Full PDB file with SEQRES, HELIX, SHEET, SSBOND, CRYST1, ORIGX, SCALE, CONECT and MASTER records, all heavy atoms in Angstrom:
SEQRES   1 A   29  ASP ARG ILE ILE LYS HIS LEU SER LYS GLY TYR ARG GLN          
SEQRES   2 A   29  ARG VAL GLY PHE ALA GLN ALA LEU LEU GLY TYR PRO PRO          
SEQRES   3 A   29  VAL LEU ILE                                                  
HELIX    1 AA1 ILE A    4  HIS A    6  5                                   3    
HELIX    2 AA2 LYS A    9  ALA A   20  1                                  12    
CRYST1    1.000    1.000    1.000  90.00  90.00  90.00 P 1           1          
ORIGX1      1.000000  0.000000  0.000000        0.00000                         
ORIGX2      0.000000  1.000000  0.000000        0.00000                         
ORIGX3      0.000000  0.000000  1.000000        0.00000                         
SCALE1      1.000000  0.000000  0.000000        0.00000                         
SCALE2      0.000000  1.000000  0.000000        0.00000                         
SCALE3      0.000000  0.000000  1.000000        0.00000                         
ATOM      1  N   ASP A   1     108.788  56.601 176.366  1.00  0.00           N  
ATOM      2  CA  ASP A   1     107.447  56.026 176.166  1.00  0.00           C  
ATOM      3  C   ASP A   1     106.735  56.786 175.004  1.00  0.00           C  
ATOM      4  O   ASP A   1     105.577  56.619 174.753  1.00  0.00           O  
ATOM      5  CB  ASP A   1     106.470  56.277 177.414  1.00  0.00           C  
ATOM      6  CG  ASP A   1     106.382  57.799 177.802  1.00  0.00           C  
ATOM      7  OD1 ASP A   1     107.130  58.728 177.207  1.00  0.00           O  
ATOM      8  OD2 ASP A   1     105.645  58.079 178.720  1.00  0.00           O  
ATOM      9  N   ARG A   2     107.574  57.558 174.245  1.00  0.00           N  
ATOM     10  CA  ARG A   2     106.970  58.256 173.049  1.00  0.00           C  
ATOM     11  C   ARG A   2     107.025  57.258 171.788  1.00  0.00           C  
ATOM     12  O   ARG A   2     107.984  56.625 171.548  1.00  0.00           O  
ATOM     13  CB  ARG A   2     107.690  59.528 172.645  1.00  0.00           C  
ATOM     14  CG  ARG A   2     107.556  60.559 173.742  1.00  0.00           C  
ATOM     15  CD  ARG A   2     106.481  61.523 173.592  1.00  0.00           C  
ATOM     16  NE  ARG A   2     106.430  62.212 172.295  1.00  0.00           N  
ATOM     17  CZ  ARG A   2     107.170  63.302 172.002  1.00  0.00           C  
ATOM     18  NH1 ARG A   2     107.925  63.866 173.037  1.00  0.00           N  
ATOM     19  NH2 ARG A   2     107.212  63.917 170.825  1.00  0.00           N  
ATOM     20  N   ILE A   3     106.075  57.344 170.838  1.00  0.00           N  
ATOM     21  CA  ILE A   3     106.025  56.624 169.585  1.00  0.00           C  
ATOM     22  C   ILE A   3     107.123  57.258 168.732  1.00  0.00           C  
ATOM     23  O   ILE A   3     107.150  58.506 168.556  1.00  0.00           O  
ATOM     24  CB  ILE A   3     104.671  56.621 169.103  1.00  0.00           C  
ATOM     25  CG1 ILE A   3     103.722  55.793 169.805  1.00  0.00           C  
ATOM     26  CG2 ILE A   3     104.751  55.908 167.612  1.00  0.00           C  
ATOM     27  CD1 ILE A   3     102.237  55.701 169.412  1.00  0.00           C  
ATOM     28  N   ILE A   4     107.941  56.493 168.072  1.00  0.00           N  
ATOM     29  CA  ILE A   4     109.041  57.006 167.250  1.00  0.00           C  
ATOM     30  C   ILE A   4     108.573  57.973 166.227  1.00  0.00           C  
ATOM     31  O   ILE A   4     109.197  59.025 166.035  1.00  0.00           O  
ATOM     32  CB  ILE A   4     109.878  55.870 166.687  1.00  0.00           C  
ATOM     33  CG1 ILE A   4     110.654  55.131 167.899  1.00  0.00           C  
ATOM     34  CG2 ILE A   4     110.888  56.395 165.675  1.00  0.00           C  
ATOM     35  CD1 ILE A   4     111.339  53.944 167.546  1.00  0.00           C  
ATOM     36  N   LYS A   5     107.531  57.633 165.564  1.00  0.00           N  
ATOM     37  CA  LYS A   5     107.105  58.552 164.426  1.00  0.00           C  
ATOM     38  C   LYS A   5     106.720  59.889 164.821  1.00  0.00           C  
ATOM     39  O   LYS A   5     106.579  60.810 164.083  1.00  0.00           O  
ATOM     40  CB  LYS A   5     106.019  57.812 163.560  1.00  0.00           C  
ATOM     41  CG  LYS A   5     104.611  57.572 164.286  1.00  0.00           C  
ATOM     42  CD  LYS A   5     103.701  57.003 163.402  1.00  0.00           C  
ATOM     43  CE  LYS A   5     102.323  56.762 164.132  1.00  0.00           C  
ATOM     44  NZ  LYS A   5     101.412  55.949 163.230  1.00  0.00           N  
ATOM     45  N   HIS A   6     106.376  60.063 166.031  1.00  0.00           N  
ATOM     46  CA  HIS A   6     106.001  61.401 166.612  1.00  0.00           C  
ATOM     47  C   HIS A   6     107.260  62.238 167.066  1.00  0.00           C  
ATOM     48  O   HIS A   6     107.010  63.311 167.565  1.00  0.00           O  
ATOM     49  CB  HIS A   6     105.057  61.264 167.794  1.00  0.00           C  
ATOM     50  CG  HIS A   6     103.764  60.586 167.283  1.00  0.00           C  
ATOM     51  ND1 HIS A   6     102.907  59.967 168.141  1.00  0.00           N  
ATOM     52  CD2 HIS A   6     103.070  60.637 166.164  1.00  0.00           C  
ATOM     53  CE1 HIS A   6     101.822  59.471 167.524  1.00  0.00           C  
ATOM     54  NE2 HIS A   6     101.955  59.829 166.242  1.00  0.00           N  
ATOM     55  N   LEU A   7     108.370  61.682 167.025  1.00  0.00           N  
ATOM     56  CA  LEU A   7     109.604  62.381 167.532  1.00  0.00           C  
ATOM     57  C   LEU A   7     110.141  63.274 166.411  1.00  0.00           C  
ATOM     58  O   LEU A   7     109.953  63.046 165.238  1.00  0.00           O  
ATOM     59  CB  LEU A   7     110.693  61.331 167.857  1.00  0.00           C  
ATOM     60  CG  LEU A   7     110.365  60.484 168.980  1.00  0.00           C  
ATOM     61  CD1 LEU A   7     111.585  59.480 169.296  1.00  0.00           C  
ATOM     62  CD2 LEU A   7     110.176  61.263 170.330  1.00  0.00           C  
ATOM     63  N   SER A   8     110.883  64.297 166.818  1.00  0.00           N  
ATOM     64  CA  SER A   8     111.579  65.178 165.819  1.00  0.00           C  
ATOM     65  C   SER A   8     112.650  64.269 165.073  1.00  0.00           C  
ATOM     66  O   SER A   8     113.096  63.263 165.535  1.00  0.00           O  
ATOM     67  CB  SER A   8     112.221  66.407 166.483  1.00  0.00           C  
ATOM     68  OG  SER A   8     113.239  65.951 167.324  1.00  0.00           O  
ATOM     69  N   LYS A   9     113.238  64.914 164.017  1.00  0.00           N  
ATOM     70  CA  LYS A   9     114.330  64.214 163.244  1.00  0.00           C  
ATOM     71  C   LYS A   9     115.536  64.042 164.100  1.00  0.00           C  
ATOM     72  O   LYS A   9     116.227  63.006 164.206  1.00  0.00           O  
ATOM     73  CB  LYS A   9     114.702  65.004 162.083  1.00  0.00           C  
ATOM     74  CG  LYS A   9     115.765  64.331 161.086  1.00  0.00           C  
ATOM     75  CD  LYS A   9     115.943  65.090 159.896  1.00  0.00           C  
ATOM     76  CE  LYS A   9     117.060  64.370 158.972  1.00  0.00           C  
ATOM     77  NZ  LYS A   9     117.273  65.014 157.716  1.00  0.00           N  
ATOM     78  N   GLY A  10     115.860  65.045 165.006  1.00  0.00           N  
ATOM     79  CA  GLY A  10     116.949  64.896 165.933  1.00  0.00           C  
ATOM     80  C   GLY A  10     116.928  63.910 166.886  1.00  0.00           C  
ATOM     81  O   GLY A  10     117.802  62.997 167.123  1.00  0.00           O  
ATOM     82  N   TYR A  11     115.617  63.639 167.480  1.00  0.00           N  
ATOM     83  CA  TYR A  11     115.465  62.543 168.429  1.00  0.00           C  
ATOM     84  C   TYR A  11     115.482  61.241 167.771  1.00  0.00           C  
ATOM     85  O   TYR A  11     115.976  60.249 168.424  1.00  0.00           O  
ATOM     86  CB  TYR A  11     114.140  62.776 169.193  1.00  0.00           C  
ATOM     87  CG  TYR A  11     114.211  63.512 170.517  1.00  0.00           C  
ATOM     88  CD1 TYR A  11     113.659  64.887 170.617  1.00  0.00           C  
ATOM     89  CD2 TYR A  11     114.882  63.101 171.550  1.00  0.00           C  
ATOM     90  CE1 TYR A  11     113.868  65.581 171.740  1.00  0.00           C  
ATOM     91  CE2 TYR A  11     115.012  63.712 172.784  1.00  0.00           C  
ATOM     92  CZ  TYR A  11     114.462  64.988 172.855  1.00  0.00           C  
ATOM     93  OH  TYR A  11     114.677  65.718 173.968  1.00  0.00           O  
ATOM     94  N   ARG A  12     114.951  61.171 166.477  1.00  0.00           N  
ATOM     95  CA  ARG A  12     115.038  59.887 165.756  1.00  0.00           C  
ATOM     96  C   ARG A  12     116.417  59.409 165.525  1.00  0.00           C  
ATOM     97  O   ARG A  12     116.748  58.233 165.601  1.00  0.00           O  
ATOM     98  CB  ARG A  12     114.201  59.900 164.507  1.00  0.00           C  
ATOM     99  CG  ARG A  12     112.768  60.021 164.694  1.00  0.00           C  
ATOM    100  CD  ARG A  12     111.848  59.673 163.415  1.00  0.00           C  
ATOM    101  NE  ARG A  12     112.287  60.581 162.301  1.00  0.00           N  
ATOM    102  CZ  ARG A  12     111.647  61.738 162.097  1.00  0.00           C  
ATOM    103  NH1 ARG A  12     110.748  62.140 162.813  1.00  0.00           N  
ATOM    104  NH2 ARG A  12     112.013  62.539 161.032  1.00  0.00           N  
ATOM    105  N   GLN A  13     117.273  60.433 165.239  1.00  0.00           N  
ATOM    106  CA  GLN A  13     118.756  60.231 165.050  1.00  0.00           C  
ATOM    107  C   GLN A  13     119.309  59.712 166.301  1.00  0.00           C  
ATOM    108  O   GLN A  13     120.193  58.806 166.331  1.00  0.00           O  
ATOM    109  CB  GLN A  13     119.387  61.559 164.614  1.00  0.00           C  
ATOM    110  CG  GLN A  13     120.775  61.450 164.029  1.00  0.00           C  
ATOM    111  CD  GLN A  13     120.893  60.748 162.606  1.00  0.00           C  
ATOM    112  OE1 GLN A  13     119.778  60.633 162.097  1.00  0.00           O  
ATOM    113  NE2 GLN A  13     121.943  60.510 162.168  1.00  0.00           N  
ATOM    114  N   ARG A  14     118.961  60.208 167.522  1.00  0.00           N  
ATOM    115  CA  ARG A  14     119.461  59.714 168.726  1.00  0.00           C  
ATOM    116  C   ARG A  14     118.976  58.343 169.024  1.00  0.00           C  
ATOM    117  O   ARG A  14     119.839  57.528 169.528  1.00  0.00           O  
ATOM    118  CB  ARG A  14     119.016  60.564 169.801  1.00  0.00           C  
ATOM    119  CG  ARG A  14     119.411  62.096 169.861  1.00  0.00           C  
ATOM    120  CD  ARG A  14     119.281  62.609 171.204  1.00  0.00           C  
ATOM    121  NE  ARG A  14     119.174  64.046 171.187  1.00  0.00           N  
ATOM    122  CZ  ARG A  14     119.011  64.797 172.206  1.00  0.00           C  
ATOM    123  NH1 ARG A  14     119.062  64.254 173.423  1.00  0.00           N  
ATOM    124  NH2 ARG A  14     118.860  66.121 172.130  1.00  0.00           N  
ATOM    125  N   VAL A  15     117.759  57.962 168.664  1.00  0.00           N  
ATOM    126  CA  VAL A  15     117.305  56.497 168.769  1.00  0.00           C  
ATOM    127  C   VAL A  15     118.131  55.637 167.944  1.00  0.00           C  
ATOM    128  O   VAL A  15     118.552  54.599 168.384  1.00  0.00           O  
ATOM    129  CB  VAL A  15     115.778  56.407 168.452  1.00  0.00           C  
ATOM    130  CG1 VAL A  15     115.315  55.037 168.509  1.00  0.00           C  
ATOM    131  CG2 VAL A  15     114.965  57.241 169.365  1.00  0.00           C  
ATOM    132  N   GLY A  16     118.393  56.049 166.664  1.00  0.00           N  
ATOM    133  CA  GLY A  16     119.383  55.248 165.861  1.00  0.00           C  
ATOM    134  C   GLY A  16     120.767  55.076 166.424  1.00  0.00           C  
ATOM    135  O   GLY A  16     121.295  53.923 166.307  1.00  0.00           O  
ATOM    136  N   PHE A  17     121.225  56.152 167.093  1.00  0.00           N  
ATOM    137  CA  PHE A  17     122.517  56.011 167.658  1.00  0.00           C  
ATOM    138  C   PHE A  17     122.506  55.085 168.817  1.00  0.00           C  
ATOM    139  O   PHE A  17     123.514  54.254 169.090  1.00  0.00           O  
ATOM    140  CB  PHE A  17     123.018  57.435 168.101  1.00  0.00           C  
ATOM    141  CG  PHE A  17     124.474  57.504 168.339  1.00  0.00           C  
ATOM    142  CD1 PHE A  17     125.406  56.465 167.967  1.00  0.00           C  
ATOM    143  CD2 PHE A  17     124.967  58.542 169.176  1.00  0.00           C  
ATOM    144  CE1 PHE A  17     126.804  56.600 168.248  1.00  0.00           C  
ATOM    145  CE2 PHE A  17     126.263  58.645 169.537  1.00  0.00           C  
ATOM    146  CZ  PHE A  17     127.178  57.673 168.977  1.00  0.00           C  
ATOM    147  N   ALA A  18     121.466  55.218 169.647  1.00  0.00           N  
ATOM    148  CA  ALA A  18     121.291  54.307 170.769  1.00  0.00           C  
ATOM    149  C   ALA A  18     121.275  52.762 170.397  1.00  0.00           C  
ATOM    150  O   ALA A  18     121.914  52.025 170.985  1.00  0.00           O  
ATOM    151  CB  ALA A  18     119.959  54.600 171.456  1.00  0.00           C  
ATOM    152  N   GLN A  19     120.659  52.383 169.235  1.00  0.00           N  
ATOM    153  CA  GLN A  19     120.539  51.078 168.877  1.00  0.00           C  
ATOM    154  C   GLN A  19     121.942  50.583 168.411  1.00  0.00           C  
ATOM    155  O   GLN A  19     122.329  49.415 168.569  1.00  0.00           O  
ATOM    156  CB  GLN A  19     119.520  50.728 167.687  1.00  0.00           C  
ATOM    157  CG  GLN A  19     119.760  51.340 166.429  1.00  0.00           C  
ATOM    158  CD  GLN A  19     120.800  50.763 165.564  1.00  0.00           C  
ATOM    159  OE1 GLN A  19     121.125  49.480 165.639  1.00  0.00           O  
ATOM    160  NE2 GLN A  19     121.400  51.486 164.634  1.00  0.00           N  
ATOM    161  N   ALA A  20     122.760  51.494 167.853  1.00  0.00           N  
ATOM    162  CA  ALA A  20     124.085  51.128 167.413  1.00  0.00           C  
ATOM    163  C   ALA A  20     125.071  50.859 168.620  1.00  0.00           C  
ATOM    164  O   ALA A  20     125.917  50.080 168.497  1.00  0.00           O  
ATOM    165  CB  ALA A  20     124.686  52.223 166.609  1.00  0.00           C  
ATOM    166  N   LEU A  21     124.713  51.493 169.801  1.00  0.00           N  
ATOM    167  CA  LEU A  21     125.480  51.305 170.965  1.00  0.00           C  
ATOM    168  C   LEU A  21     125.109  50.083 171.842  1.00  0.00           C  
ATOM    169  O   LEU A  21     125.852  49.602 172.692  1.00  0.00           O  
ATOM    170  CB  LEU A  21     125.314  52.545 171.808  1.00  0.00           C  
ATOM    171  CG  LEU A  21     126.090  53.866 171.276  1.00  0.00           C  
ATOM    172  CD1 LEU A  21     125.681  55.028 172.223  1.00  0.00           C  
ATOM    173  CD2 LEU A  21     127.491  53.604 171.281  1.00  0.00           C  
ATOM    174  N   LEU A  22     123.997  49.416 171.469  1.00  0.00           N  
ATOM    175  CA  LEU A  22     123.598  48.320 172.272  1.00  0.00           C  
ATOM    176  C   LEU A  22     124.657  47.201 172.274  1.00  0.00           C  
ATOM    177  O   LEU A  22     125.139  46.823 171.285  1.00  0.00           O  
ATOM    178  CB  LEU A  22     122.218  47.800 171.696  1.00  0.00           C  
ATOM    179  CG  LEU A  22     120.977  48.659 171.841  1.00  0.00           C  
ATOM    180  CD1 LEU A  22     119.843  48.069 171.100  1.00  0.00           C  
ATOM    181  CD2 LEU A  22     120.556  48.628 173.397  1.00  0.00           C  
ATOM    182  N   GLY A  23     124.931  46.793 173.453  1.00  0.00           N  
ATOM    183  CA  GLY A  23     126.001  45.690 173.711  1.00  0.00           C  
ATOM    184  C   GLY A  23     127.392  46.259 173.669  1.00  0.00           C  
ATOM    185  O   GLY A  23     128.404  45.618 173.704  1.00  0.00           O  
ATOM    186  N   TYR A  24     127.544  47.617 173.400  1.00  0.00           N  
ATOM    187  CA  TYR A  24     128.877  48.251 173.432  1.00  0.00           C  
ATOM    188  C   TYR A  24     129.766  47.585 172.434  1.00  0.00           C  
ATOM    189  O   TYR A  24     130.866  47.119 172.859  1.00  0.00           O  
ATOM    190  CB  TYR A  24     129.468  48.406 174.831  1.00  0.00           C  
ATOM    191  CG  TYR A  24     128.701  49.257 175.746  1.00  0.00           C  
ATOM    192  CD1 TYR A  24     128.385  48.892 176.970  1.00  0.00           C  
ATOM    193  CD2 TYR A  24     128.222  50.545 175.355  1.00  0.00           C  
ATOM    194  CE1 TYR A  24     127.683  49.751 177.920  1.00  0.00           C  
ATOM    195  CE2 TYR A  24     127.556  51.359 176.215  1.00  0.00           C  
ATOM    196  CZ  TYR A  24     127.208  50.903 177.362  1.00  0.00           C  
ATOM    197  OH  TYR A  24     126.501  51.774 178.302  1.00  0.00           O  
ATOM    198  N   PRO A  25     129.402  47.516 171.190  1.00  0.00           N  
ATOM    199  CA  PRO A  25     130.323  46.835 170.220  1.00  0.00           C  
ATOM    200  C   PRO A  25     131.659  47.574 170.036  1.00  0.00           C  
ATOM    201  O   PRO A  25     131.699  48.805 170.186  1.00  0.00           O  
ATOM    202  CB  PRO A  25     129.505  46.901 168.915  1.00  0.00           C  
ATOM    203  CG  PRO A  25     128.635  47.965 169.034  1.00  0.00           C  
ATOM    204  CD  PRO A  25     128.275  48.102 170.483  1.00  0.00           C  
ATOM    205  N   PRO A  26     132.768  46.919 169.922  1.00  0.00           N  
ATOM    206  CA  PRO A  26     134.101  47.563 169.901  1.00  0.00           C  
ATOM    207  C   PRO A  26     134.233  48.408 168.679  1.00  0.00           C  
ATOM    208  O   PRO A  26     135.083  49.332 168.546  1.00  0.00           O  
ATOM    209  CB  PRO A  26     135.096  46.342 169.752  1.00  0.00           C  
ATOM    210  CG  PRO A  26     134.265  45.222 169.317  1.00  0.00           C  
ATOM    211  CD  PRO A  26     132.921  45.562 169.897  1.00  0.00           C  
ATOM    212  N   VAL A  27     133.470  48.205 167.535  1.00  0.00           N  
ATOM    213  CA  VAL A  27     133.562  49.099 166.353  1.00  0.00           C  
ATOM    214  C   VAL A  27     132.173  49.842 166.105  1.00  0.00           C  
ATOM    215  O   VAL A  27     131.248  49.147 166.144  1.00  0.00           O  
ATOM    216  CB  VAL A  27     133.841  48.126 165.125  1.00  0.00           C  
ATOM    217  CG1 VAL A  27     133.743  48.965 163.885  1.00  0.00           C  
ATOM    218  CG2 VAL A  27     135.202  47.477 165.201  1.00  0.00           C  
ATOM    219  N   LEU A  28     132.290  51.148 165.900  1.00  0.00           N  
ATOM    220  CA  LEU A  28     131.104  51.885 165.612  1.00  0.00           C  
ATOM    221  C   LEU A  28     131.402  52.508 164.223  1.00  0.00           C  
ATOM    222  O   LEU A  28     132.379  53.138 164.019  1.00  0.00           O  
ATOM    223  CB  LEU A  28     130.968  52.897 166.668  1.00  0.00           C  
ATOM    224  CG  LEU A  28     130.561  52.496 168.050  1.00  0.00           C  
ATOM    225  CD1 LEU A  28     130.660  53.699 169.074  1.00  0.00           C  
ATOM    226  CD2 LEU A  28     129.282  51.807 168.109  1.00  0.00           C  
ATOM    227  N   ILE A  29     130.302  52.441 163.434  1.00  0.00           N  
ATOM    228  CA  ILE A  29     130.372  52.892 162.126  1.00  0.00           C  
ATOM    229  C   ILE A  29     129.152  53.954 162.025  1.00  0.00           C  
ATOM    230  O   ILE A  29     128.010  53.539 162.085  1.00  0.00           O  
ATOM    231  CB  ILE A  29     130.332  51.921 160.921  1.00  0.00           C  
ATOM    232  CG1 ILE A  29     131.520  51.026 161.091  1.00  0.00           C  
ATOM    233  CG2 ILE A  29     130.232  52.594 159.571  1.00  0.00           C  
ATOM    234  CD1 ILE A  29     131.573  49.882 160.079  1.00  0.00           C  
TER     235      ILE A  29                                                      
MASTER        0    0    0    2    0    0    0    6  234    1    0    3          
END                                                                             
């Protein structure tokens, strides 16, 4: 429930990783 701009760089990186995993695509870059 936190606004993304208020997160640390590490947490923002995790959010980016989470969006890459959505749908469990067979290829991750």
